[in-house]
């Protein structure tokens, strides 16, 4: 198969590579250019963790052929920080609000939120949820990710109050993809005990069924 010469401006630097016509942009970035911050998850364009900015717009790099990006500008997670390495407002907000857990999906979220707040610096709650709806997270329950977007908007607006401590502590209302988790933090997660059906340390374990009925009868007889 004949390779195709592509020239990409990646994170402000002109990069050249020769790639097969079927090479995905995600593979080109990771394997040909060594930019492994772009992660590959589902490889079907569903999870969003491979999101990069193509001419400033979020795209699924696992669905984009590298050859089609020839001559275009690409920003990956490695290019979000400032020239001196200082984290961008979005990166800082995710760190402050702990908007990540395992971190695998984080590069895609950072790129998505960067574009979201560039186009809409003061999004409403519904607009935040809509903006995040194309990115999936299996760990956080989305609540701290939503808080991170709010915090990033504050930082971009120059409303730095020293951190997120003064924010409302109640649960974030979520819907759509970001609403897959309830206020427990994970979809289908256990109650605050940490495991479904396990009692608190000083709480008696209840009985049910025939064993519970028999115990109840014995307790009643002893009380009589």
C-alpha atoms as a PDB file:
ATOM      1  CA  UNK A   1       0.000   0.000   0.000  1.00  0.00           C
ATOM      2  CA  UNK A   2       1.348   3.418  -0.951  1.00  0.00           C
ATOM      3  CA  UNK A   3       1.885   5.786   1.966  1.00  0.00           C
ATOM      4  CA  UNK A   4       0.567   9.336   1.941  1.00  0.00           C
ATOM      5  CA  UNK A   5       2.660  12.281   3.083  1.00  0.00           C
ATOM      6  CA  UNK A   6       0.748  14.456   5.528  1.00  0.00           C
ATOM      7  CA  UNK A   7       1.715  17.741   7.115  1.00  0.00           C
ATOM      8  CA  UNK A   8      -0.041  18.642  10.337  1.00  0.00           C
ATOM      9  CA  UNK A   9       0.356  21.596  12.639  1.00  0.00           C
ATOM     10  CA  UNK A  10       0.099  19.887  16.005  1.00  0.00           C
ATOM     11  CA  UNK A  11       0.102  22.040  19.128  1.00  0.00           C
ATOM     12  CA  UNK A  12       1.637  24.856  17.104  1.00  0.00           C
ATOM     13  CA  UNK A  13       4.452  22.747  15.660  1.00  0.00           C
ATOM     14  CA  UNK A  14       4.564  21.611  12.030  1.00  0.00           C
ATOM     15  CA  UNK A  15       4.842  17.829  11.937  1.00  0.00           C
ATOM     16  CA  UNK A  16       5.213  15.573   8.913  1.00  0.00           C
ATOM     17  CA  UNK A  17       4.577  11.877   8.545  1.00  0.00           C
ATOM     18  CA  UNK A  18       4.027   9.270   5.879  1.00  0.00           C
ATOM     19  CA  UNK A  19       1.030   7.147   6.694  1.00  0.00           C
ATOM     20  CA  UNK A  20      -1.096   4.488   5.019  1.00  0.00           C
ATOM     21  CA  UNK A  21      -4.318   5.828   3.581  1.00  0.00           C
ATOM     22  CA  UNK A  22      -6.316   3.996   6.243  1.00  0.00           C
ATOM     23  CA  UNK A  23      -4.295   5.319   9.186  1.00  0.00           C
ATOM     24  CA  UNK A  24      -6.556   6.884  11.788  1.00  0.00           C
ATOM     25  CA  UNK A  25      -5.657  10.270  13.181  1.00  0.00           C
ATOM     26  CA  UNK A  26      -5.552   8.787  16.687  1.00  0.00           C
ATOM     27  CA  UNK A  27      -2.975   6.216  15.575  1.00  0.00           C
ATOM     28  CA  UNK A  28      -0.985   8.830  13.691  1.00  0.00           C
ATOM     29  CA  UNK A  29      -0.810  11.051  16.766  1.00  0.00           C
ATOM     30  CA  UNK A  30       0.099   8.230  19.092  1.00  0.00           C
ATOM     31  CA  UNK A  31       2.358   6.019  17.012  1.00  0.00           C
ATOM     32  CA  UNK A  32       3.774   8.248  14.287  1.00  0.00           C
ATOM     33  CA  UNK A  33       4.140  11.463  16.268  1.00  0.00           C
ATOM     34  CA  UNK A  34       4.552  10.027  19.776  1.00  0.00           C
ATOM     35  CA  UNK A  35       1.754  12.078  21.335  1.00  0.00           C
ATOM     36  CA  UNK A  36       0.264   9.429  23.579  1.00  0.00           C
ATOM     37  CA  UNK A  37      -1.878  11.827  25.592  1.00  0.00           C
ATOM     38  CA  UNK A  38      -4.688  11.129  23.135  1.00  0.00           C
ATOM     39  CA  UNK A  39      -6.291   7.938  24.411  1.00  0.00           C
ATOM     40  CA  UNK A  40      -8.189   5.355  22.404  1.00  0.00           C
ATOM     41  CA  UNK A  41     -11.149   3.681  24.059  1.00  0.00           C
ATOM     42  CA  UNK A  42     -14.081   2.274  22.118  1.00  0.00           C
ATOM     43  CA  UNK A  43     -12.650   2.955  18.630  1.00  0.00           C
ATOM     44  CA  UNK A  44     -16.229   3.486  17.457  1.00  0.00           C
ATOM     45  CA  UNK A  45     -16.610   7.203  18.164  1.00  0.00           C
ATOM     46  CA  UNK A  46     -18.844   6.620  21.179  1.00  0.00           C
ATOM     47  CA  UNK A  47     -16.784   7.232  24.327  1.00  0.00           C
ATOM     48  CA  UNK A  48     -15.102  10.492  23.337  1.00  0.00           C
ATOM     49  CA  UNK A  49     -11.789   9.842  25.082  1.00  0.00           C
ATOM     50  CA  UNK A  50      -9.914  10.243  21.754  1.00  0.00           C
ATOM     51  CA  UNK A  51     -11.286  13.762  21.254  1.00  0.00           C
ATOM     52  CA  UNK A  52      -8.844  16.342  19.886  1.00  0.00           C
ATOM     53  CA  UNK A  53      -9.366  19.779  18.399  1.00  0.00           C
ATOM     54  CA  UNK A  54      -9.200  19.986  14.614  1.00  0.00           C
ATOM     55  CA  UNK A  55      -8.994  23.638  13.583  1.00  0.00           C
ATOM     56  CA  UNK A  56     -10.374  24.365  17.028  1.00  0.00           C
ATOM     57  CA  UNK A  57     -13.369  22.036  16.813  1.00  0.00           C
ATOM     58  CA  UNK A  58     -13.704  18.799  18.810  1.00  0.00           C
ATOM     59  CA  UNK A  59     -13.470  15.682  16.644  1.00  0.00           C
ATOM     60  CA  UNK A  60     -13.221  11.959  17.296  1.00  0.00           C
ATOM     61  CA  UNK A  61      -9.692  11.145  16.219  1.00  0.00           C
ATOM     62  CA  UNK A  62     -10.563   7.430  16.094  1.00  0.00           C
ATOM     63  CA  UNK A  63     -13.038   8.176  13.281  1.00  0.00           C
ATOM     64  CA  UNK A  64     -10.861  10.645  11.384  1.00  0.00           C
ATOM     65  CA  UNK A  65      -8.376   9.535   8.762  1.00  0.00           C
ATOM     66  CA  UNK A  66      -4.974  11.133   9.197  1.00  0.00           C
ATOM     67  CA  UNK A  67      -4.867  11.940   5.476  1.00  0.00           C
ATOM     68  CA  UNK A  68      -7.984  14.103   5.780  1.00  0.00           C
ATOM     69  CA  UNK A  69      -6.260  16.224   8.432  1.00  0.00           C
ATOM     70  CA  UNK A  70      -3.418  17.136   6.067  1.00  0.00           C
ATOM     71  CA  UNK A  71      -2.799  20.883   6.204  1.00  0.00           C
ATOM     72  CA  UNK A  72      -4.957  21.396   9.288  1.00  0.00           C
ATOM     73  CA  UNK A  73      -4.222  22.477  12.849  1.00  0.00           C
ATOM     74  CA  UNK A  74      -4.628  19.952  15.631  1.00  0.00           C
ATOM     75  CA  UNK A  75      -4.568  20.523  19.361  1.00  0.00           C
ATOM     76  CA  UNK A  76      -4.125  17.547  21.652  1.00  0.00           C
ATOM     77  CA  UNK A  77      -4.130  17.468  25.439  1.00  0.00           C
ATOM     78  CA  UNK A  78      -0.378  18.052  25.356  1.00  0.00           C
ATOM     79  CA  UNK A  79      -1.004  21.437  23.753  1.00  0.00           C
ATOM     80  CA  UNK A  80      -3.546  22.841  26.215  1.00  0.00           C
ATOM     81  CA  UNK A  81      -1.040  24.190  28.741  1.00  0.00           C
ATOM     82  CA  UNK A  82       0.633  27.545  28.312  1.00  0.00           C
ATOM     83  CA  UNK A  83       4.062  28.027  26.695  1.00  0.00           C
ATOM     84  CA  UNK A  84       5.709  27.870  30.109  1.00  0.00           C
ATOM     85  CA  UNK A  85       3.893  24.678  31.012  1.00  0.00           C
ATOM     86  CA  UNK A  86       1.369  26.391  33.267  1.00  0.00           C
ATOM     87  CA  UNK A  87      -1.940  24.455  33.247  1.00  0.00           C
ATOM     88  CA  UNK A  88      -4.772  26.010  31.314  1.00  0.00           C
ATOM     89  CA  UNK A  89      -7.839  27.173  33.281  1.00  0.00           C
ATOM     90  CA  UNK A  90      -9.626  23.956  32.284  1.00  0.00           C
ATOM     91  CA  UNK A  91      -6.737  21.770  33.408  1.00  0.00           C
ATOM     92  CA  UNK A  92      -6.430  23.701  36.658  1.00  0.00           C
ATOM     93  CA  UNK A  93     -10.160  23.383  37.317  1.00  0.00           C
ATOM     94  CA  UNK A  94     -10.133  19.623  36.790  1.00  0.00           C
ATOM     95  CA  UNK A  95      -7.233  19.352  39.236  1.00  0.00           C
ATOM     96  CA  UNK A  96      -8.861  21.600  41.851  1.00  0.00           C
ATOM     97  CA  UNK A  97     -12.248  19.882  41.667  1.00  0.00           C
ATOM     98  CA  UNK A  98     -10.845  16.373  41.193  1.00  0.00           C
ATOM     99  CA  UNK A  99     -12.768  15.967  37.961  1.00  0.00           C
ATOM    100  CA  UNK A 100     -11.069  12.677  37.227  1.00  0.00           C
ATOM    101  CA  UNK A 101     -10.425   9.303  38.746  1.00  0.00           C
ATOM    102  CA  UNK A 102      -8.573   6.780  36.602  1.00  0.00           C
ATOM    103  CA  UNK A 103      -7.859   9.597  34.124  1.00  0.00           C
ATOM    104  CA  UNK A 104      -8.287   7.576  30.940  1.00  0.00           C
ATOM    105  CA  UNK A 105     -11.151   9.708  29.651  1.00  0.00           C
ATOM    106  CA  UNK A 106      -9.687  12.981  30.935  1.00  0.00           C
ATOM    107  CA  UNK A 107      -7.795  14.109  27.779  1.00  0.00           C
ATOM    108  CA  UNK A 108     -11.017  13.937  25.783  1.00  0.00           C
ATOM    109  CA  UNK A 109     -12.941  15.869  28.429  1.00  0.00           C
ATOM    110  CA  UNK A 110     -10.236  18.547  28.604  1.00  0.00           C
ATOM    111  CA  UNK A 111     -10.325  19.109  24.851  1.00  0.00           C
ATOM    112  CA  UNK A 112     -14.121  19.108  24.776  1.00  0.00           C
ATOM    113  CA  UNK A 113     -14.463  21.565  27.662  1.00  0.00           C
ATOM    114  CA  UNK A 114     -11.771  23.828  26.219  1.00  0.00           C
ATOM    115  CA  UNK A 115     -13.824  24.251  23.045  1.00  0.00           C
ATOM    116  CA  UNK A 116     -17.087  24.520  24.982  1.00  0.00           C
ATOM    117  CA  UNK A 117     -15.905  27.406  27.152  1.00  0.00           C
ATOM    118  CA  UNK A 118     -14.196  29.132  24.239  1.00  0.00           C
ATOM    119  CA  UNK A 119     -17.517  29.300  22.400  1.00  0.00           C
ATOM    120  CA  UNK A 120     -19.666  29.791  25.504  1.00  0.00           C
ATOM    121  CA  UNK A 121     -17.692  31.237  28.437  1.00  0.00           C
ATOM    122  CA  UNK A 122     -20.706  31.270  30.769  1.00  0.00           C
ATOM    123  CA  UNK A 123     -22.786  28.183  29.962  1.00  0.00           C
ATOM    124  CA  UNK A 124     -25.972  27.333  31.801  1.00  0.00           C
ATOM    125  CA  UNK A 125     -26.327  24.024  33.604  1.00  0.00           C
ATOM    126  CA  UNK A 126     -28.205  22.566  30.649  1.00  0.00           C
ATOM    127  CA  UNK A 127     -25.545  23.787  28.237  1.00  0.00           C
ATOM    128  CA  UNK A 128     -22.797  22.217  30.350  1.00  0.00           C
ATOM    129  CA  UNK A 129     -24.590  18.880  30.366  1.00  0.00           C
ATOM    130  CA  UNK A 130     -25.211  19.077  26.638  1.00  0.00           C
ATOM    131  CA  UNK A 131     -21.587  19.969  26.028  1.00  0.00           C
ATOM    132  CA  UNK A 132     -20.396  16.955  28.022  1.00  0.00           C
ATOM    133  CA  UNK A 133     -22.923  14.528  26.578  1.00  0.00           C
ATOM    134  CA  UNK A 134     -20.533  13.162  23.958  1.00  0.00           C
ATOM    135  CA  UNK A 135     -17.915  12.078  26.487  1.00  0.00           C
ATOM    136  CA  UNK A 136     -18.300   9.080  28.744  1.00  0.00           C
ATOM    137  CA  UNK A 137     -16.696   8.491  32.137  1.00  0.00           C
ATOM    138  CA  UNK A 138     -16.887   5.150  33.933  1.00  0.00           C
ATOM    139  CA  UNK A 139     -15.448   6.355  37.241  1.00  0.00           C
ATOM    140  CA  UNK A 140     -16.461   9.743  38.554  1.00  0.00           C
ATOM    141  CA  UNK A 141     -20.239   9.831  38.299  1.00  0.00           C
ATOM    142  CA  UNK A 142     -19.775  13.123  36.368  1.00  0.00           C
ATOM    143  CA  UNK A 143     -20.512  15.364  39.334  1.00  0.00           C
ATOM    144  CA  UNK A 144     -16.978  16.632  39.798  1.00  0.00           C
ATOM    145  CA  UNK A 145     -16.588  16.943  36.048  1.00  0.00           C
ATOM    146  CA  UNK A 146     -19.578  19.287  35.958  1.00  0.00           C
ATOM    147  CA  UNK A 147     -18.118  21.202  38.895  1.00  0.00           C
ATOM    148  CA  UNK A 148     -14.827  21.404  37.019  1.00  0.00           C
ATOM    149  CA  UNK A 149     -16.551  23.070  34.074  1.00  0.00           C
ATOM    150  CA  UNK A 150     -18.139  25.616  36.400  1.00  0.00           C
ATOM    151  CA  UNK A 151     -14.801  26.268  38.060  1.00  0.00           C
ATOM    152  CA  UNK A 152     -13.038  26.638  34.701  1.00  0.00           C
ATOM    153  CA  UNK A 153     -15.649  29.206  33.647  1.00  0.00           C
ATOM    154  CA  UNK A 154     -14.886  31.159  36.824  1.00  0.00           C
ATOM    155  CA  UNK A 155     -11.153  31.065  36.172  1.00  0.00           C
ATOM    156  CA  UNK A 156     -11.564  32.167  32.564  1.00  0.00           C
ATOM    157  CA  UNK A 157     -13.798  35.040  33.710  1.00  0.00           C
ATOM    158  CA  UNK A 158     -11.205  36.051  36.288  1.00  0.00           C
ATOM    159  CA  UNK A 159     -13.520  35.234  39.188  1.00  0.00           C
ATOM    160  CA  UNK A 160     -10.870  33.370  41.155  1.00  0.00           C
ATOM    161  CA  UNK A 161     -12.143  33.005  44.704  1.00  0.00           C
ATOM    162  CA  UNK A 162      -9.228  30.808  45.716  1.00  0.00           C
ATOM    163  CA  UNK A 163     -10.890  27.490  44.963  1.00  0.00           C
ATOM    164  CA  UNK A 164     -14.174  25.623  44.814  1.00  0.00           C
ATOM    165  CA  UNK A 165     -14.700  25.500  48.580  1.00  0.00           C
ATOM    166  CA  UNK A 166     -17.414  28.139  48.535  1.00  0.00           C
ATOM    167  CA  UNK A 167     -19.603  26.315  46.040  1.00  0.00           C
ATOM    168  CA  UNK A 168     -22.902  24.697  46.978  1.00  0.00           C
ATOM    169  CA  UNK A 169     -22.205  21.256  48.386  1.00  0.00           C
ATOM    170  CA  UNK A 170     -25.410  19.626  47.152  1.00  0.00           C
ATOM    171  CA  UNK A 171     -25.514  17.095  44.328  1.00  0.00           C
ATOM    172  CA  UNK A 172     -25.253  18.263  40.759  1.00  0.00           C
ATOM    173  CA  UNK A 173     -28.373  17.607  38.733  1.00  0.00           C
ATOM    174  CA  UNK A 174     -27.364  15.514  35.755  1.00  0.00           C
ATOM    175  CA  UNK A 175     -29.095  14.294  32.640  1.00  0.00           C
ATOM    176  CA  UNK A 176     -28.219  12.585  29.358  1.00  0.00           C
ATOM    177  CA  UNK A 177     -24.847  10.847  29.175  1.00  0.00           C
ATOM    178  CA  UNK A 178     -23.612  12.862  32.119  1.00  0.00           C
ATOM    179  CA  UNK A 179     -26.718  11.789  34.005  1.00  0.00           C
ATOM    180  CA  UNK A 180     -25.942   8.108  33.856  1.00  0.00           C
ATOM    181  CA  UNK A 181     -24.989   8.342  37.508  1.00  0.00           C
ATOM    182  CA  UNK A 182     -27.242   9.408  40.336  1.00  0.00           C
ATOM    183  CA  UNK A 183     -26.163  11.533  43.280  1.00  0.00           C
ATOM    184  CA  UNK A 184     -24.363   8.531  44.767  1.00  0.00           C
ATOM    185  CA  UNK A 185     -21.630   9.178  42.225  1.00  0.00           C
ATOM    186  CA  UNK A 186     -21.986   6.040  40.107  1.00  0.00           C
ATOM    187  CA  UNK A 187     -24.859   4.483  38.227  1.00  0.00           C
ATOM    188  CA  UNK A 188     -26.239   1.740  40.394  1.00  0.00           C
ATOM    189  CA  UNK A 189     -23.754   2.475  43.140  1.00  0.00           C
ATOM    190  CA  UNK A 190     -24.310   1.388  46.697  1.00  0.00           C
ATOM    191  CA  UNK A 191     -25.515   3.608  49.506  1.00  0.00           C
ATOM    192  CA  UNK A 192     -22.884   5.500  51.512  1.00  0.00           C
ATOM    193  CA  UNK A 193     -21.967   2.314  53.389  1.00  0.00           C
ATOM    194  CA  UNK A 194     -19.845   1.490  50.328  1.00  0.00           C
ATOM    195  CA  UNK A 195     -21.552  -1.790  49.425  1.00  0.00           C
ATOM    196  CA  UNK A 196     -25.164  -2.496  48.646  1.00  0.00           C
ATOM    197  CA  UNK A 197     -26.850  -4.456  51.412  1.00  0.00           C
ATOM    198  CA  UNK A 198     -24.056  -4.074  53.982  1.00  0.00           C
ATOM    199  CA  UNK A 199     -25.100  -2.434  57.220  1.00  0.00           C
ATOM    200  CA  UNK A 200     -23.345   0.361  59.029  1.00  0.00           C
ATOM    201  CA  UNK A 201     -20.788  -0.861  61.604  1.00  0.00           C
ATOM    202  CA  UNK A 202     -23.196  -0.482  64.560  1.00  0.00           C
ATOM    203  CA  UNK A 203     -26.350  -1.381  62.727  1.00  0.00           C
ATOM    204  CA  UNK A 204     -27.861  -4.876  63.217  1.00  0.00           C
ATOM    205  CA  UNK A 205     -28.190  -6.917  60.073  1.00  0.00           C
ATOM    206  CA  UNK A 206     -31.848  -7.537  59.354  1.00  0.00           C
ATOM    207  CA  UNK A 207     -33.353 -10.891  58.439  1.00  0.00           C
ATOM    208  CA  UNK A 208     -35.913 -11.789  55.860  1.00  0.00           C
ATOM    209  CA  UNK A 209     -37.808 -14.808  54.693  1.00  0.00           C
ATOM    210  CA  UNK A 210     -38.408 -17.907  56.816  1.00  0.00           C
ATOM    211  CA  UNK A 211     -35.375 -17.269  59.014  1.00  0.00           C
ATOM    212  CA  UNK A 212     -36.603 -13.800  59.823  1.00  0.00           C
ATOM    213  CA  UNK A 213     -40.120 -15.036  60.577  1.00  0.00           C
ATOM    214  CA  UNK A 214     -38.798 -17.688  62.935  1.00  0.00           C
ATOM    215  CA  UNK A 215     -36.608 -15.151  64.725  1.00  0.00           C
ATOM    216  CA  UNK A 216     -39.568 -12.844  65.082  1.00  0.00           C
ATOM    217  CA  UNK A 217     -41.716 -15.568  66.577  1.00  0.00           C
ATOM    218  CA  UNK A 218     -39.010 -16.458  69.107  1.00  0.00           C
ATOM    219  CA  UNK A 219     -38.584 -12.831  70.086  1.00  0.00           C
ATOM    220  CA  UNK A 220     -42.320 -12.491  70.544  1.00  0.00           C
ATOM    221  CA  UNK A 221     -42.501 -15.601  72.705  1.00  0.00           C
ATOM    222  CA  UNK A 222     -39.648 -14.408  74.914  1.00  0.00           C
ATOM    223  CA  UNK A 223     -41.277 -11.008  75.303  1.00  0.00           C
ATOM    224  CA  UNK A 224     -44.583 -12.588  76.354  1.00  0.00           C
END
